[in-house]
């Protein structure tokens, strides 16, 4: 494993711990149990906004070179509940 990929795993582990300790309102994100480089996320529309009741889901795929190269974002869907 290269130094950059090692730093990607260290960085992603630290970011996941930070999110668990200090969650972001309306957002949940976590890595797959089988792959730290692939995360799933859900954004829920805040109350009293045009997005209220909406749910936006997707995945984030981090390259081995992260944080030196950006992740790719993929959206699954947006729906209004």
C-alpha atoms as a PDB file:
ATOM      1  CA  UNK A   1       0.000   0.000   0.000  1.00  0.00           C
ATOM      2  CA  UNK A   2       1.415   3.389  -0.965  1.00  0.00           C
ATOM      3  CA  UNK A   3       1.854   6.279   1.421  1.00  0.00           C
ATOM      4  CA  UNK A   4      -0.992   8.177  -0.275  1.00  0.00           C
ATOM      5  CA  UNK A   5      -3.460   5.307   0.038  1.00  0.00           C
ATOM      6  CA  UNK A   6      -2.427   4.874   3.658  1.00  0.00           C
ATOM      7  CA  UNK A   7      -3.167   8.554   4.261  1.00  0.00           C
ATOM      8  CA  UNK A   8      -6.546   8.116   2.515  1.00  0.00           C
ATOM      9  CA  UNK A   9      -7.570   5.392   4.955  1.00  0.00           C
ATOM     10  CA  UNK A  10      -6.283   7.343   7.951  1.00  0.00           C
ATOM     11  CA  UNK A  11      -8.083  10.496   6.803  1.00  0.00           C
ATOM     12  CA  UNK A  12     -11.373   8.682   6.126  1.00  0.00           C
ATOM     13  CA  UNK A  13     -11.269   6.905   9.484  1.00  0.00           C
ATOM     14  CA  UNK A  14     -10.721  10.254  11.211  1.00  0.00           C
ATOM     15  CA  UNK A  15     -13.551  11.889   9.248  1.00  0.00           C
ATOM     16  CA  UNK A  16     -15.931   9.061  10.093  1.00  0.00           C
ATOM     17  CA  UNK A  17     -15.078   9.337  13.810  1.00  0.00           C
ATOM     18  CA  UNK A  18     -15.636  13.103  13.635  1.00  0.00           C
ATOM     19  CA  UNK A  19     -19.034  12.662  11.959  1.00  0.00           C
ATOM     20  CA  UNK A  20     -20.060  10.099  14.579  1.00  0.00           C
ATOM     21  CA  UNK A  21     -18.986  12.404  17.418  1.00  0.00           C
ATOM     22  CA  UNK A  22     -20.340  15.652  15.934  1.00  0.00           C
ATOM     23  CA  UNK A  23     -23.112  14.862  13.410  1.00  0.00           C
ATOM     24  CA  UNK A  24     -24.106  17.349  10.713  1.00  0.00           C
ATOM     25  CA  UNK A  25     -27.800  18.312  10.862  1.00  0.00           C
ATOM     26  CA  UNK A  26     -29.939  16.727   8.127  1.00  0.00           C
ATOM     27  CA  UNK A  27     -27.057  14.531   6.921  1.00  0.00           C
ATOM     28  CA  UNK A  28     -25.962  10.981   7.612  1.00  0.00           C
ATOM     29  CA  UNK A  29     -22.956   9.407   5.936  1.00  0.00           C
ATOM     30  CA  UNK A  30     -20.972   6.269   6.602  1.00  0.00           C
ATOM     31  CA  UNK A  31     -18.618   3.912   4.814  1.00  0.00           C
ATOM     32  CA  UNK A  32     -19.615   0.458   3.663  1.00  0.00           C
ATOM     33  CA  UNK A  33     -18.525  -2.145   6.191  1.00  0.00           C
ATOM     34  CA  UNK A  34     -16.575  -3.887   3.418  1.00  0.00           C
ATOM     35  CA  UNK A  35     -14.921  -0.806   1.859  1.00  0.00           C
ATOM     36  CA  UNK A  36     -13.796   2.357   3.629  1.00  0.00           C
ATOM     37  CA  UNK A  37     -13.396   4.082   0.254  1.00  0.00           C
ATOM     38  CA  UNK A  38     -17.129   3.847  -0.546  1.00  0.00           C
ATOM     39  CA  UNK A  39     -19.688   5.714   1.546  1.00  0.00           C
ATOM     40  CA  UNK A  40     -23.476   6.038   1.465  1.00  0.00           C
ATOM     41  CA  UNK A  41     -25.186   9.286   2.419  1.00  0.00           C
ATOM     42  CA  UNK A  42     -28.700  10.583   3.051  1.00  0.00           C
ATOM     43  CA  UNK A  43     -29.669  14.257   3.163  1.00  0.00           C
ATOM     44  CA  UNK A  44     -33.073  15.103   4.612  1.00  0.00           C
ATOM     45  CA  UNK A  45     -34.727  18.399   3.727  1.00  0.00           C
ATOM     46  CA  UNK A  46     -34.887  20.801   6.700  1.00  0.00           C
ATOM     47  CA  UNK A  47     -38.252  21.843   8.142  1.00  0.00           C
ATOM     48  CA  UNK A  48     -39.817  25.046   6.870  1.00  0.00           C
ATOM     49  CA  UNK A  49     -37.753  25.073   3.652  1.00  0.00           C
ATOM     50  CA  UNK A  50     -38.726  24.189   0.067  1.00  0.00           C
ATOM     51  CA  UNK A  51     -36.825  20.912   0.650  1.00  0.00           C
ATOM     52  CA  UNK A  52     -38.914  19.863   3.678  1.00  0.00           C
ATOM     53  CA  UNK A  53     -39.862  16.201   3.440  1.00  0.00           C
ATOM     54  CA  UNK A  54     -37.331  15.530   0.699  1.00  0.00           C
ATOM     55  CA  UNK A  55     -34.807  12.734   0.893  1.00  0.00           C
ATOM     56  CA  UNK A  56     -31.665  12.736  -1.252  1.00  0.00           C
ATOM     57  CA  UNK A  57     -29.555   9.586  -1.275  1.00  0.00           C
ATOM     58  CA  UNK A  58     -26.316   8.641  -2.939  1.00  0.00           C
ATOM     59  CA  UNK A  59     -22.802   7.336  -2.634  1.00  0.00           C
ATOM     60  CA  UNK A  60     -19.338   8.823  -2.452  1.00  0.00           C
ATOM     61  CA  UNK A  61     -16.377   6.917  -3.874  1.00  0.00           C
ATOM     62  CA  UNK A  62     -12.990   8.071  -2.637  1.00  0.00           C
ATOM     63  CA  UNK A  63      -9.860   7.380  -4.725  1.00  0.00           C
ATOM     64  CA  UNK A  64      -6.771   5.795  -3.158  1.00  0.00           C
ATOM     65  CA  UNK A  65      -5.120   9.200  -3.629  1.00  0.00           C
ATOM     66  CA  UNK A  66      -7.652  10.981  -1.359  1.00  0.00           C
ATOM     67  CA  UNK A  67      -7.313  13.720  -0.066  1.00  0.00           C
ATOM     68  CA  UNK A  68      -4.997  14.674  -2.935  1.00  0.00           C
ATOM     69  CA  UNK A  69      -7.683  13.757  -5.482  1.00  0.00           C
ATOM     70  CA  UNK A  70     -11.395  14.478  -4.996  1.00  0.00           C
ATOM     71  CA  UNK A  71     -14.088  11.856  -4.452  1.00  0.00           C
ATOM     72  CA  UNK A  72     -16.792  11.038  -6.996  1.00  0.00           C
ATOM     73  CA  UNK A  73     -20.414  11.653  -5.985  1.00  0.00           C
ATOM     74  CA  UNK A  74     -23.286   9.586  -7.302  1.00  0.00           C
ATOM     75  CA  UNK A  75     -26.907  10.382  -6.562  1.00  0.00           C
ATOM     76  CA  UNK A  76     -29.497   7.634  -6.336  1.00  0.00           C
ATOM     77  CA  UNK A  77     -32.678   9.689  -6.071  1.00  0.00           C
ATOM     78  CA  UNK A  78     -34.520  12.585  -4.575  1.00  0.00           C
ATOM     79  CA  UNK A  79     -38.039  12.043  -3.369  1.00  0.00           C
ATOM     80  CA  UNK A  80     -40.628  14.005  -1.491  1.00  0.00           C
ATOM     81  CA  UNK A  81     -42.294  12.120   1.362  1.00  0.00           C
END
